[in-house]
Amino acid sequence: LVQQQLDALATQNFAWQGQIWPGQNLSWEIEENRDRQNTQEPAPLLRWRTRLKLTLPKLGEISAQLAFNQGGALDVFLSADSPQGQASLQDARALLMQQLEQSGLALNSFSVQHASPE
């Protein structure tokens, strides 16, 4: 465990795969990403990204990617491997956006899409 913590500090990247409850696997990654907004900006913008992938009984396989930028804005990208899962996520989009904003997170972008299973 200590070695994993040291590796995460050194690489600014954390990945975990396991069961979050019996029969439910989760793949989770957190990484620091430094992007340059434009070539004239001397210091890169710090962005943290987290990705989750799991399969839910009513939604199918769901992937979520959240990106936090240095200014505090949040980008949310959700995808489902089934049209029904995509429709359910789309139906809940307004409620999720409202809850994120009520939590003090400023949304920069929010998208829901259908992704073919890998």
C-alpha atoms as a PDB file:
ATOM      1  CA  LEU A   1       0.000   0.000   0.000  1.00  0.00           C
ATOM      2  CA  VAL A   2       2.825   2.410   0.869  1.00  0.00           C
ATOM      3  CA  GLN A   3       4.512   1.640  -2.466  1.00  0.00           C
ATOM      4  CA  GLN A   4       1.253   2.421  -4.322  1.00  0.00           C
ATOM      5  CA  GLN A   5       0.985   5.730  -2.465  1.00  0.00           C
ATOM      6  CA  LEU A   6       4.576   6.629  -3.335  1.00  0.00           C
ATOM      7  CA  ASP A   7       4.000   5.690  -6.980  1.00  0.00           C
ATOM      8  CA  ALA A   8       0.848   7.830  -7.079  1.00  0.00           C
ATOM      9  CA  LEU A   9       2.736  10.804  -5.653  1.00  0.00           C
ATOM     10  CA  ALA A  10       5.602  10.366  -8.109  1.00  0.00           C
ATOM     11  CA  THR A  11       3.497   9.872 -11.223  1.00  0.00           C
ATOM     12  CA  GLN A  12       0.408  11.912 -10.253  1.00  0.00           C
ATOM     13  CA  ASN A  13      -1.626   8.936 -11.469  1.00  0.00           C
ATOM     14  CA  PHE A  14      -3.786   6.479  -9.523  1.00  0.00           C
ATOM     15  CA  ALA A  15      -5.595   3.440 -10.920  1.00  0.00           C
ATOM     16  CA  TRP A  16      -7.741   0.919  -9.084  1.00  0.00           C
ATOM     17  CA  GLN A  17      -9.806  -2.047 -10.191  1.00  0.00           C
ATOM     18  CA  GLY A  18     -11.872  -4.168  -7.878  1.00  0.00           C
ATOM     19  CA  GLN A  19     -15.298  -4.910  -6.472  1.00  0.00           C
ATOM     20  CA  ILE A  20     -17.170  -2.031  -4.867  1.00  0.00           C
ATOM     21  CA  TRP A  21     -19.840  -4.477  -3.676  1.00  0.00           C
ATOM     22  CA  PRO A  22     -20.323  -8.203  -4.356  1.00  0.00           C
ATOM     23  CA  GLY A  23     -20.560  -8.847  -8.074  1.00  0.00           C
ATOM     24  CA  GLN A  24     -19.971  -5.177  -9.017  1.00  0.00           C
ATOM     25  CA  ASN A  25     -16.594  -4.396 -10.552  1.00  0.00           C
ATOM     26  CA  LEU A  26     -15.272  -0.874 -10.839  1.00  0.00           C
ATOM     27  CA  SER A  27     -12.368   0.541 -12.796  1.00  0.00           C
ATOM     28  CA  TRP A  28     -11.215   3.938 -11.475  1.00  0.00           C
ATOM     29  CA  GLU A  29      -8.381   6.218 -12.577  1.00  0.00           C
ATOM     30  CA  ILE A  30      -7.273   9.608 -11.313  1.00  0.00           C
ATOM     31  CA  GLU A  31      -4.559  11.552 -13.075  1.00  0.00           C
ATOM     32  CA  GLU A  32      -3.030  14.964 -13.243  1.00  0.00           C
ATOM     33  CA  ASN A  33      -2.941  16.370 -16.747  1.00  0.00           C
ATOM     34  CA  ARG A  34      -1.109  19.500 -17.744  1.00  0.00           C
ATOM     35  CA  ASP A  35      -2.491  21.056 -20.932  1.00  0.00           C
ATOM     36  CA  ARG A  36      -1.391  24.287 -22.495  1.00  0.00           C
ATOM     37  CA  GLN A  37      -4.396  26.461 -23.269  1.00  0.00           C
ATOM     38  CA  ASN A  38      -2.434  28.318 -25.918  1.00  0.00           C
ATOM     39  CA  THR A  39       1.183  28.459 -26.987  1.00  0.00           C
ATOM     40  CA  GLN A  40       1.748  31.968 -25.558  1.00  0.00           C
ATOM     41  CA  GLU A  41       0.859  30.930 -22.016  1.00  0.00           C
ATOM     42  CA  PRO A  42       4.078  30.088 -20.118  1.00  0.00           C
ATOM     43  CA  ALA A  43       2.622  27.855 -17.386  1.00  0.00           C
ATOM     44  CA  PRO A  44       0.388  24.899 -18.179  1.00  0.00           C
ATOM     45  CA  LEU A  45      -3.088  24.725 -16.679  1.00  0.00           C
ATOM     46  CA  LEU A  46      -3.399  22.024 -14.085  1.00  0.00           C
ATOM     47  CA  ARG A  47      -6.255  19.622 -14.703  1.00  0.00           C
ATOM     48  CA  TRP A  48      -7.265  16.596 -12.710  1.00  0.00           C
ATOM     49  CA  ARG A  49      -9.186  13.889 -14.495  1.00  0.00           C
ATOM     50  CA  THR A  50     -10.998  10.958 -13.014  1.00  0.00           C
ATOM     51  CA  ARG A  51     -12.536   8.100 -14.970  1.00  0.00           C
ATOM     52  CA  LEU A  52     -14.956   5.487 -13.694  1.00  0.00           C
ATOM     53  CA  LYS A  53     -16.280   2.467 -15.542  1.00  0.00           C
ATOM     54  CA  LEU A  54     -18.876   0.076 -14.139  1.00  0.00           C
ATOM     55  CA  THR A  55     -21.850  -2.016 -15.212  1.00  0.00           C
ATOM     56  CA  LEU A  56     -25.177  -1.255 -13.559  1.00  0.00           C
ATOM     57  CA  PRO A  57     -28.253  -3.526 -13.728  1.00  0.00           C
ATOM     58  CA  LYS A  58     -30.617  -0.972 -15.313  1.00  0.00           C
ATOM     59  CA  LEU A  59     -28.118   1.120 -17.275  1.00  0.00           C
ATOM     60  CA  GLY A  60     -25.586  -1.389 -18.579  1.00  0.00           C
ATOM     61  CA  GLU A  61     -21.938  -0.397 -18.871  1.00  0.00           C
ATOM     62  CA  ILE A  62     -21.422   3.235 -17.898  1.00  0.00           C
ATOM     63  CA  SER A  63     -18.300   5.336 -18.250  1.00  0.00           C
ATOM     64  CA  ALA A  64     -17.902   8.676 -16.533  1.00  0.00           C
ATOM     65  CA  GLN A  65     -15.062  11.119 -16.983  1.00  0.00           C
ATOM     66  CA  LEU A  66     -14.779  14.242 -14.865  1.00  0.00           C
ATOM     67  CA  ALA A  67     -12.122  16.874 -15.517  1.00  0.00           C
ATOM     68  CA  PHE A  68     -11.385  19.653 -13.030  1.00  0.00           C
ATOM     69  CA  ASN A  69      -9.442  22.645 -14.289  1.00  0.00           C
ATOM     70  CA  GLN A  70      -7.375  25.136 -12.334  1.00  0.00           C
ATOM     71  CA  GLY A  71     -10.161  27.709 -12.389  1.00  0.00           C
ATOM     72  CA  GLY A  72     -12.522  25.314 -10.633  1.00  0.00           C
ATOM     73  CA  ALA A  73     -14.722  24.490 -13.624  1.00  0.00           C
ATOM     74  CA  LEU A  74     -15.856  20.917 -14.190  1.00  0.00           C
ATOM     75  CA  ASP A  75     -16.286  19.009 -17.451  1.00  0.00           C
ATOM     76  CA  VAL A  76     -18.506  15.904 -17.251  1.00  0.00           C
ATOM     77  CA  PHE A  77     -18.625  13.261 -19.986  1.00  0.00           C
ATOM     78  CA  LEU A  78     -20.958  10.277 -19.517  1.00  0.00           C
ATOM     79  CA  SER A  79     -21.415   7.378 -21.902  1.00  0.00           C
ATOM     80  CA  ALA A  80     -23.501   4.231 -21.919  1.00  0.00           C
ATOM     81  CA  ASP A  81     -23.060   1.116 -24.023  1.00  0.00           C
ATOM     82  CA  SER A  82     -26.793   0.784 -24.654  1.00  0.00           C
ATOM     83  CA  PRO A  83     -29.345   3.202 -26.115  1.00  0.00           C
ATOM     84  CA  GLN A  84     -31.568   2.593 -23.060  1.00  0.00           C
ATOM     85  CA  GLY A  85     -28.715   3.500 -20.713  1.00  0.00           C
ATOM     86  CA  GLN A  86     -28.000   6.629 -22.715  1.00  0.00           C
ATOM     87  CA  ALA A  87     -31.666   7.632 -22.606  1.00  0.00           C
ATOM     88  CA  SER A  88     -31.812   7.115 -18.829  1.00  0.00           C
ATOM     89  CA  LEU A  89     -28.679   9.210 -18.317  1.00  0.00           C
ATOM     90  CA  GLN A  90     -30.054  11.891 -20.626  1.00  0.00           C
ATOM     91  CA  ASP A  91     -33.350  11.927 -18.680  1.00  0.00           C
ATOM     92  CA  ALA A  92     -31.439  12.446 -15.414  1.00  0.00           C
ATOM     93  CA  ARG A  93     -29.068  15.039 -16.894  1.00  0.00           C
ATOM     94  CA  ALA A  94     -30.856  18.158 -15.603  1.00  0.00           C
ATOM     95  CA  LEU A  95     -31.113  16.764 -12.059  1.00  0.00           C
ATOM     96  CA  LEU A  96     -27.440  15.749 -11.996  1.00  0.00           C
ATOM     97  CA  MET A  97     -26.355  19.149 -13.323  1.00  0.00           C
ATOM     98  CA  GLN A  98     -28.472  20.881 -10.669  1.00  0.00           C
ATOM     99  CA  GLN A  99     -27.002  18.723  -7.889  1.00  0.00           C
ATOM    100  CA  LEU A 100     -23.433  19.353  -9.059  1.00  0.00           C
ATOM    101  CA  GLU A 101     -24.032  23.105  -9.128  1.00  0.00           C
ATOM    102  CA  GLN A 102     -25.687  23.012  -5.686  1.00  0.00           C
ATOM    103  CA  SER A 103     -22.529  21.284  -4.432  1.00  0.00           C
ATOM    104  CA  GLY A 104     -20.545  24.334  -5.495  1.00  0.00           C
ATOM    105  CA  LEU A 105     -19.113  22.884  -8.689  1.00  0.00           C
ATOM    106  CA  ALA A 106     -19.124  25.220 -11.681  1.00  0.00           C
ATOM    107  CA  LEU A 107     -19.972  23.230 -14.809  1.00  0.00           C
ATOM    108  CA  ASN A 108     -18.023  24.076 -17.913  1.00  0.00           C
ATOM    109  CA  SER A 109     -19.522  21.301 -20.053  1.00  0.00           C
ATOM    110  CA  PHE A 110     -21.751  18.259 -19.664  1.00  0.00           C
ATOM    111  CA  SER A 111     -22.383  15.578 -22.272  1.00  0.00           C
ATOM    112  CA  VAL A 112     -24.099  12.208 -22.485  1.00  0.00           C
ATOM    113  CA  GLN A 113     -23.432   9.902 -25.388  1.00  0.00           C
ATOM    114  CA  HIS A 114     -23.816   6.337 -26.601  1.00  0.00           C
ATOM    115  CA  ALA A 115     -20.564   4.377 -26.783  1.00  0.00           C
ATOM    116  CA  SER A 116     -20.170   0.995 -28.374  1.00  0.00           C
ATOM    117  CA  PRO A 117     -19.043  -1.706 -25.953  1.00  0.00           C
ATOM    118  CA  GLU A 118     -15.326  -2.447 -26.138  1.00  0.00           C
END
